[in-house]
Amino acid sequence: MLSGCKTTKKLHYFLSESTRKTNHHISEAILKLTPEMSDKKKQALIEQLTNNDPDERRAGIMAISHGKPSRWKVTPKLLSVVVKNDHDQLAQTIAIERLVVVAPNKEVVTLLGDTIKNSSKGIQLACVIGIGEIASPKSMAILQEQLNYNDHDAVRRAAATALGSYHKKSVVNALIKALNDDAFEVHYHARLSLIGICGQDFSYDDALWKKWIMQNEDAIFTD
């Protein structure tokens, strides 16, 4: 077992060697966030989450987000660091999926909302799906923004689907607007969400949807 200054020196030497081609932020976060972890476990975790092989990093993400490690207070923070810093899309996606399961809270919604910006289509999609699993006013606002303005059909479709859980006037208005989206997968799922919220089906006739909602809004909206 390593101890004292020798521990710090050896760990930092190990880090400088193991992270030359991987993400330095992840390894530094592990050192900062796991002060009570044994040196052996700490080194093994660093080696796995900063490995040059993406498959090893993915395995590390799964290892810390299942069973006993998933209940560690530090686990959501480690997963958040991976989400922000790993450049492998699949590793990021797995970290997002597991983070939503391990810590479905407003901090995660904020993180995923920020991650959507300047991310690839796949990561944006994972973030929107994740946000859809955490019901909150902020989640609703982000989902509406993605439905209205995202450039990717699959992301708008995921937002349309997730918004089906909100019986809010602003959501219904956004879904009605999405009935005219050029992408079939978007306007189809917007229609399905409207059917789920209203218990009615007026196909893609936005005028009929608006008329019925105006006559029945007190019965369907929670705001």
C-alpha atoms as a PDB file:
ATOM      1  CA  MET A   1       0.000   0.000   0.000  1.00  0.00           C
ATOM      2  CA  LEU A   2       1.298   3.439  -0.870  1.00  0.00           C
ATOM      3  CA  SER A   3       1.201   6.255   1.666  1.00  0.00           C
ATOM      4  CA  GLY A   4       1.992   9.940   2.227  1.00  0.00           C
ATOM      5  CA  CYS A   5       4.040  11.905  -0.295  1.00  0.00           C
ATOM      6  CA  LYS A   6       5.094   8.744  -2.100  1.00  0.00           C
ATOM      7  CA  THR A   7       1.418   8.048  -2.826  1.00  0.00           C
ATOM      8  CA  THR A   8       0.880  11.470  -4.357  1.00  0.00           C
ATOM      9  CA  LYS A   9       4.064  11.335  -6.393  1.00  0.00           C
ATOM     10  CA  LYS A  10       3.392   7.856  -7.712  1.00  0.00           C
ATOM     11  CA  LEU A  11      -0.242   8.614  -8.538  1.00  0.00           C
ATOM     12  CA  HIS A  12       0.637  11.802 -10.381  1.00  0.00           C
ATOM     13  CA  TYR A  13       3.436  10.004 -12.211  1.00  0.00           C
ATOM     14  CA  PHE A  14       0.924   7.325 -13.201  1.00  0.00           C
ATOM     15  CA  LEU A  15      -1.515   9.996 -14.352  1.00  0.00           C
ATOM     16  CA  SER A  16       1.023  11.784 -16.508  1.00  0.00           C
ATOM     17  CA  GLU A  17       1.766   8.489 -18.269  1.00  0.00           C
ATOM     18  CA  SER A  18      -1.770   7.132 -18.563  1.00  0.00           C
ATOM     19  CA  THR A  19      -3.552  10.262 -19.776  1.00  0.00           C
ATOM     20  CA  ARG A  20      -1.268  11.570 -22.518  1.00  0.00           C
ATOM     21  CA  LYS A  21      -3.795  10.591 -25.184  1.00  0.00           C
ATOM     22  CA  THR A  22      -6.916  10.532 -23.049  1.00  0.00           C
ATOM     23  CA  ASN A  23      -8.774  13.103 -21.012  1.00  0.00           C
ATOM     24  CA  HIS A  24      -6.746  14.716 -18.236  1.00  0.00           C
ATOM     25  CA  HIS A  25      -9.853  16.193 -16.602  1.00  0.00           C
ATOM     26  CA  ILE A  26     -11.310  12.775 -15.815  1.00  0.00           C
ATOM     27  CA  SER A  27      -8.205  11.525 -14.015  1.00  0.00           C
ATOM     28  CA  GLU A  28      -7.838  14.763 -12.060  1.00  0.00           C
ATOM     29  CA  ALA A  29     -11.475  14.549 -11.014  1.00  0.00           C
ATOM     30  CA  ILE A  30     -10.984  11.016  -9.713  1.00  0.00           C
ATOM     31  CA  LEU A  31      -8.097  12.170  -7.515  1.00  0.00           C
ATOM     32  CA  LYS A  32     -10.117  15.124  -6.242  1.00  0.00           C
ATOM     33  CA  LEU A  33     -13.420  13.327  -5.691  1.00  0.00           C
ATOM     34  CA  THR A  34     -12.214  10.073  -4.158  1.00  0.00           C
ATOM     35  CA  PRO A  35      -9.893  11.028  -1.271  1.00  0.00           C
ATOM     36  CA  GLU A  36     -11.065   8.113   0.909  1.00  0.00           C
ATOM     37  CA  MET A  37     -10.658   5.460  -1.775  1.00  0.00           C
ATOM     38  CA  SER A  38      -7.645   3.180  -1.436  1.00  0.00           C
ATOM     39  CA  ASP A  39      -4.723   3.895  -3.753  1.00  0.00           C
ATOM     40  CA  LYS A  40      -5.167   0.535  -5.442  1.00  0.00           C
ATOM     41  CA  LYS A  41      -8.841   1.146  -6.249  1.00  0.00           C
ATOM     42  CA  LYS A  42      -8.159   4.723  -7.227  1.00  0.00           C
ATOM     43  CA  GLN A  43      -5.441   3.714  -9.643  1.00  0.00           C
ATOM     44  CA  ALA A  44      -7.632   0.970 -11.151  1.00  0.00           C
ATOM     45  CA  LEU A  45     -10.484   3.462 -11.654  1.00  0.00           C
ATOM     46  CA  ILE A  46      -8.181   6.021 -13.255  1.00  0.00           C
ATOM     47  CA  GLU A  47      -6.701   3.374 -15.511  1.00  0.00           C
ATOM     48  CA  GLN A  48     -10.127   2.262 -16.698  1.00  0.00           C
ATOM     49  CA  LEU A  49     -11.856   5.633 -17.150  1.00  0.00           C
ATOM     50  CA  THR A  50      -8.869   7.219 -18.908  1.00  0.00           C
ATOM     51  CA  ASN A  51      -7.843   4.197 -20.963  1.00  0.00           C
ATOM     52  CA  ASN A  52      -6.978   4.832 -24.609  1.00  0.00           C
ATOM     53  CA  ASP A  53      -9.353   2.005 -25.545  1.00  0.00           C
ATOM     54  CA  PRO A  54     -12.949   3.358 -25.595  1.00  0.00           C
ATOM     55  CA  ASP A  55     -14.277  -0.114 -24.784  1.00  0.00           C
ATOM     56  CA  GLU A  56     -12.348  -0.089 -21.514  1.00  0.00           C
ATOM     57  CA  ARG A  57     -13.715   3.357 -20.635  1.00  0.00           C
ATOM     58  CA  ARG A  58     -17.250   2.201 -21.408  1.00  0.00           C
ATOM     59  CA  ALA A  59     -16.741  -0.814 -19.159  1.00  0.00           C
ATOM     60  CA  GLY A  60     -15.515   1.516 -16.415  1.00  0.00           C
ATOM     61  CA  ILE A  61     -18.611   3.679 -16.742  1.00  0.00           C
ATOM     62  CA  MET A  62     -20.816   0.615 -16.395  1.00  0.00           C
ATOM     63  CA  ALA A  63     -18.809  -0.627 -13.415  1.00  0.00           C
ATOM     64  CA  ILE A  64     -19.218   2.563 -11.363  1.00  0.00           C
ATOM     65  CA  SER A  65     -22.898   2.984 -12.195  1.00  0.00           C
ATOM     66  CA  HIS A  66     -24.214  -0.440 -11.186  1.00  0.00           C
ATOM     67  CA  GLY A  67     -24.486  -2.198  -7.837  1.00  0.00           C
ATOM     68  CA  LYS A  68     -22.796  -0.720  -4.774  1.00  0.00           C
ATOM     69  CA  PRO A  69     -20.673   1.867  -6.681  1.00  0.00           C
ATOM     70  CA  SER A  70     -23.864   3.377  -8.133  1.00  0.00           C
ATOM     71  CA  ARG A  71     -24.787   4.413  -4.584  1.00  0.00           C
ATOM     72  CA  TRP A  72     -21.512   6.198  -3.890  1.00  0.00           C
ATOM     73  CA  LYS A  73     -22.041   9.925  -3.379  1.00  0.00           C
ATOM     74  CA  VAL A  74     -19.181  10.577  -5.759  1.00  0.00           C
ATOM     75  CA  THR A  75     -20.576   8.492  -8.642  1.00  0.00           C
ATOM     76  CA  PRO A  76     -22.872  11.182 -10.133  1.00  0.00           C
ATOM     77  CA  LYS A  77     -19.962  13.618 -10.092  1.00  0.00           C
ATOM     78  CA  LEU A  78     -17.656  11.155 -11.831  1.00  0.00           C
ATOM     79  CA  LEU A  79     -20.289  10.392 -14.465  1.00  0.00           C
ATOM     80  CA  SER A  80     -20.820  14.123 -14.973  1.00  0.00           C
ATOM     81  CA  VAL A  81     -17.107  14.588 -15.600  1.00  0.00           C
ATOM     82  CA  VAL A  82     -17.193  11.773 -18.151  1.00  0.00           C
ATOM     83  CA  VAL A  83     -20.204  13.334 -19.894  1.00  0.00           C
ATOM     84  CA  LYS A  84     -18.373  16.644 -20.193  1.00  0.00           C
ATOM     85  CA  ASN A  85     -14.941  15.351 -21.137  1.00  0.00           C
ATOM     86  CA  ASP A  86     -14.940  11.953 -22.856  1.00  0.00           C
ATOM     87  CA  HIS A  87     -14.728  12.343 -26.632  1.00  0.00           C
ATOM     88  CA  ASP A  88     -16.076   8.903 -27.510  1.00  0.00           C
ATOM     89  CA  GLN A  89     -19.750   9.290 -28.416  1.00  0.00           C
ATOM     90  CA  LEU A  90     -20.778   5.862 -27.140  1.00  0.00           C
ATOM     91  CA  ALA A  91     -18.957   6.369 -23.839  1.00  0.00           C
ATOM     92  CA  GLN A  92     -20.657   9.748 -23.423  1.00  0.00           C
ATOM     93  CA  THR A  93     -24.034   8.250 -24.269  1.00  0.00           C
ATOM     94  CA  ILE A  94     -23.616   5.449 -21.727  1.00  0.00           C
ATOM     95  CA  ALA A  95     -22.555   7.972 -19.075  1.00  0.00           C
ATOM     96  CA  ILE A  96     -25.635  10.097 -19.831  1.00  0.00           C
ATOM     97  CA  GLU A  97     -27.961   7.098 -19.633  1.00  0.00           C
ATOM     98  CA  ARG A  98     -26.473   5.892 -16.351  1.00  0.00           C
ATOM     99  CA  LEU A  99     -26.364   9.388 -14.830  1.00  0.00           C
ATOM    100  CA  VAL A 100     -30.098   9.789 -15.407  1.00  0.00           C
ATOM    101  CA  VAL A 101     -30.688   6.494 -13.576  1.00  0.00           C
ATOM    102  CA  VAL A 102     -28.262   7.150 -10.725  1.00  0.00           C
ATOM    103  CA  ALA A 103     -29.086  10.822 -10.104  1.00  0.00           C
ATOM    104  CA  PRO A 104     -32.353  12.000 -11.709  1.00  0.00           C
ATOM    105  CA  ASN A 105     -32.219  15.546 -10.355  1.00  0.00           C
ATOM    106  CA  LYS A 106     -32.205  19.176 -11.480  1.00  0.00           C
ATOM    107  CA  GLU A 107     -28.401  19.330 -11.576  1.00  0.00           C
ATOM    108  CA  VAL A 108     -28.376  16.546 -14.149  1.00  0.00           C
ATOM    109  CA  VAL A 109     -31.054  18.330 -16.195  1.00  0.00           C
ATOM    110  CA  THR A 110     -28.874  21.459 -16.195  1.00  0.00           C
ATOM    111  CA  LEU A 111     -25.799  19.454 -17.206  1.00  0.00           C
ATOM    112  CA  LEU A 112     -27.596  17.723 -20.067  1.00  0.00           C
ATOM    113  CA  GLY A 113     -29.155  20.988 -21.209  1.00  0.00           C
ATOM    114  CA  ASP A 114     -25.687  22.528 -21.393  1.00  0.00           C
ATOM    115  CA  THR A 115     -24.240  19.437 -23.084  1.00  0.00           C
ATOM    116  CA  ILE A 116     -26.737  19.712 -25.938  1.00  0.00           C
ATOM    117  CA  LYS A 117     -24.986  22.883 -27.056  1.00  0.00           C
ATOM    118  CA  ASN A 118     -22.156  22.277 -29.526  1.00  0.00           C
ATOM    119  CA  SER A 119     -22.601  18.486 -29.345  1.00  0.00           C
ATOM    120  CA  SER A 120     -23.047  15.904 -32.089  1.00  0.00           C
ATOM    121  CA  LYS A 121     -26.490  14.720 -33.131  1.00  0.00           C
ATOM    122  CA  GLY A 122     -26.073  11.474 -31.185  1.00  0.00           C
ATOM    123  CA  ILE A 123     -25.169  13.225 -27.942  1.00  0.00           C
ATOM    124  CA  GLN A 124     -27.974  15.759 -28.374  1.00  0.00           C
ATOM    125  CA  LEU A 125     -30.394  12.876 -28.811  1.00  0.00           C
ATOM    126  CA  ALA A 126     -29.106  11.099 -25.692  1.00  0.00           C
ATOM    127  CA  CYS A 127     -29.424  14.324 -23.695  1.00  0.00           C
ATOM    128  CA  VAL A 128     -33.002  14.967 -24.817  1.00  0.00           C
ATOM    129  CA  ILE A 129     -34.021  11.376 -24.052  1.00  0.00           C
ATOM    130  CA  GLY A 130     -32.356  11.685 -20.649  1.00  0.00           C
ATOM    131  CA  ILE A 131     -34.038  14.993 -19.874  1.00  0.00           C
ATOM    132  CA  GLY A 132     -37.334  13.395 -20.855  1.00  0.00           C
ATOM    133  CA  GLU A 133     -36.842  10.902 -18.009  1.00  0.00           C
ATOM    134  CA  ILE A 134     -36.602  13.657 -15.369  1.00  0.00           C
ATOM    135  CA  ALA A 135     -39.899  15.530 -15.069  1.00  0.00           C
ATOM    136  CA  SER A 136     -39.438  19.157 -14.024  1.00  0.00           C
ATOM    137  CA  PRO A 137     -40.293  22.672 -15.227  1.00  0.00           C
ATOM    138  CA  LYS A 138     -36.724  23.077 -16.495  1.00  0.00           C
ATOM    139  CA  SER A 139     -36.916  19.771 -18.365  1.00  0.00           C
ATOM    140  CA  MET A 140     -40.142  20.916 -20.000  1.00  0.00           C
ATOM    141  CA  ALA A 141     -38.594  24.222 -21.080  1.00  0.00           C
ATOM    142  CA  ILE A 142     -35.530  22.523 -22.584  1.00  0.00           C
ATOM    143  CA  LEU A 143     -37.670  19.972 -24.414  1.00  0.00           C
ATOM    144  CA  GLN A 144     -39.853  22.703 -25.897  1.00  0.00           C
ATOM    145  CA  GLU A 145     -36.781  24.595 -27.055  1.00  0.00           C
ATOM    146  CA  GLN A 146     -35.381  21.484 -28.729  1.00  0.00           C
ATOM    147  CA  LEU A 147     -38.703  20.728 -30.406  1.00  0.00           C
ATOM    148  CA  ASN A 148     -38.932  24.254 -31.752  1.00  0.00           C
ATOM    149  CA  TYR A 149     -35.357  24.934 -32.798  1.00  0.00           C
ATOM    150  CA  ASN A 150     -33.139  21.826 -33.024  1.00  0.00           C
ATOM    151  CA  ASP A 151     -31.790  21.112 -36.519  1.00  0.00           C
ATOM    152  CA  HIS A 152     -31.931  17.320 -36.190  1.00  0.00           C
ATOM    153  CA  ASP A 153     -35.159  15.451 -36.920  1.00  0.00           C
ATOM    154  CA  ALA A 154     -34.420  12.656 -34.431  1.00  0.00           C
ATOM    155  CA  VAL A 155     -33.819  15.146 -31.617  1.00  0.00           C
ATOM    156  CA  ARG A 156     -37.052  17.025 -32.329  1.00  0.00           C
ATOM    157  CA  ARG A 157     -38.891  13.699 -32.458  1.00  0.00           C
ATOM    158  CA  ALA A 158     -37.513  12.685 -29.060  1.00  0.00           C
ATOM    159  CA  ALA A 159     -38.549  16.055 -27.627  1.00  0.00           C
ATOM    160  CA  ALA A 160     -42.059  15.675 -29.071  1.00  0.00           C
ATOM    161  CA  THR A 161     -42.372  12.245 -27.468  1.00  0.00           C
ATOM    162  CA  ALA A 162     -41.091  13.371 -24.060  1.00  0.00           C
ATOM    163  CA  LEU A 163     -43.422  16.381 -24.000  1.00  0.00           C
ATOM    164  CA  GLY A 164     -46.391  14.025 -24.050  1.00  0.00           C
ATOM    165  CA  SER A 165     -45.988  13.740 -20.263  1.00  0.00           C
ATOM    166  CA  TYR A 166     -46.826  17.406 -19.653  1.00  0.00           C
ATOM    167  CA  HIS A 167     -50.431  18.612 -19.484  1.00  0.00           C
ATOM    168  CA  LYS A 168     -49.470  22.236 -19.991  1.00  0.00           C
ATOM    169  CA  LYS A 169     -50.879  24.797 -22.391  1.00  0.00           C
ATOM    170  CA  SER A 170     -47.463  25.893 -23.648  1.00  0.00           C
ATOM    171  CA  VAL A 171     -46.581  22.263 -24.390  1.00  0.00           C
ATOM    172  CA  VAL A 172     -49.779  21.618 -26.315  1.00  0.00           C
ATOM    173  CA  ASN A 173     -49.230  24.787 -28.340  1.00  0.00           C
ATOM    174  CA  ALA A 174     -45.683  23.662 -29.173  1.00  0.00           C
ATOM    175  CA  LEU A 175     -46.929  20.219 -30.196  1.00  0.00           C
ATOM    176  CA  ILE A 176     -49.636  21.720 -32.410  1.00  0.00           C
ATOM    177  CA  LYS A 177     -47.013  23.845 -34.106  1.00  0.00           C
ATOM    178  CA  ALA A 178     -44.907  20.709 -34.614  1.00  0.00           C
ATOM    179  CA  LEU A 179     -47.772  19.094 -36.563  1.00  0.00           C
ATOM    180  CA  ASN A 180     -46.470  21.168 -39.462  1.00  0.00           C
ATOM    181  CA  ASP A 181     -42.853  20.029 -39.081  1.00  0.00           C
ATOM    182  CA  ASP A 182     -41.383  18.888 -42.398  1.00  0.00           C
ATOM    183  CA  ALA A 183     -40.111  15.634 -40.912  1.00  0.00           C
ATOM    184  CA  PHE A 184     -42.669  12.839 -40.684  1.00  0.00           C
ATOM    185  CA  GLU A 185     -41.149  11.376 -37.517  1.00  0.00           C
ATOM    186  CA  VAL A 186     -41.548  14.737 -35.780  1.00  0.00           C
ATOM    187  CA  HIS A 187     -45.118  15.608 -36.750  1.00  0.00           C
ATOM    188  CA  TYR A 188     -46.229  12.000 -36.228  1.00  0.00           C
ATOM    189  CA  HIS A 189     -44.884  11.865 -32.677  1.00  0.00           C
ATOM    190  CA  ALA A 190     -46.230  15.344 -31.950  1.00  0.00           C
ATOM    191  CA  ARG A 191     -49.658  14.016 -32.929  1.00  0.00           C
ATOM    192  CA  LEU A 192     -49.243  10.952 -30.698  1.00  0.00           C
ATOM    193  CA  SER A 193     -48.337  13.177 -27.753  1.00  0.00           C
ATOM    194  CA  LEU A 194     -51.371  15.368 -28.374  1.00  0.00           C
ATOM    195  CA  ILE A 195     -53.592  12.284 -28.466  1.00  0.00           C
ATOM    196  CA  GLY A 196     -52.094  11.138 -25.159  1.00  0.00           C
ATOM    197  CA  ILE A 197     -52.629  14.510 -23.494  1.00  0.00           C
ATOM    198  CA  CYS A 198     -56.082  15.299 -24.883  1.00  0.00           C
ATOM    199  CA  GLY A 199     -57.653  11.917 -25.482  1.00  0.00           C
ATOM    200  CA  GLN A 200     -58.696  13.130 -28.938  1.00  0.00           C
ATOM    201  CA  ASP A 201     -57.360  12.774 -32.464  1.00  0.00           C
ATOM    202  CA  PHE A 202     -57.776  15.513 -35.048  1.00  0.00           C
ATOM    203  CA  SER A 203     -55.006  14.138 -37.240  1.00  0.00           C
ATOM    204  CA  TYR A 204     -52.787  16.995 -38.488  1.00  0.00           C
ATOM    205  CA  ASP A 205     -55.514  19.633 -38.587  1.00  0.00           C
ATOM    206  CA  ASP A 206     -54.047  22.281 -36.312  1.00  0.00           C
ATOM    207  CA  ALA A 207     -57.206  24.430 -36.554  1.00  0.00           C
ATOM    208  CA  LEU A 208     -59.375  21.615 -35.163  1.00  0.00           C
ATOM    209  CA  TRP A 209     -56.865  20.929 -32.395  1.00  0.00           C
ATOM    210  CA  LYS A 210     -56.848  24.601 -31.390  1.00  0.00           C
ATOM    211  CA  LYS A 211     -60.659  24.815 -31.468  1.00  0.00           C
ATOM    212  CA  TRP A 212     -61.138  21.735 -29.298  1.00  0.00           C
ATOM    213  CA  ILE A 213     -58.458  22.807 -26.832  1.00  0.00           C
ATOM    214  CA  MET A 214     -59.982  26.266 -26.490  1.00  0.00           C
ATOM    215  CA  GLN A 215     -63.284  24.618 -25.562  1.00  0.00           C
ATOM    216  CA  ASN A 216     -61.777  22.089 -23.142  1.00  0.00           C
ATOM    217  CA  GLU A 217     -58.647  23.652 -21.695  1.00  0.00           C
ATOM    218  CA  ASP A 218     -59.937  23.657 -18.121  1.00  0.00           C
ATOM    219  CA  ALA A 219     -60.263  19.880 -18.250  1.00  0.00           C
ATOM    220  CA  ILE A 220     -56.842  19.054 -19.690  1.00  0.00           C
ATOM    221  CA  PHE A 221     -54.348  21.587 -18.366  1.00  0.00           C
ATOM    222  CA  THR A 222     -52.716  21.514 -14.951  1.00  0.00           C
ATOM    223  CA  ASP A 223     -51.526  25.129 -15.150  1.00  0.00           C
END
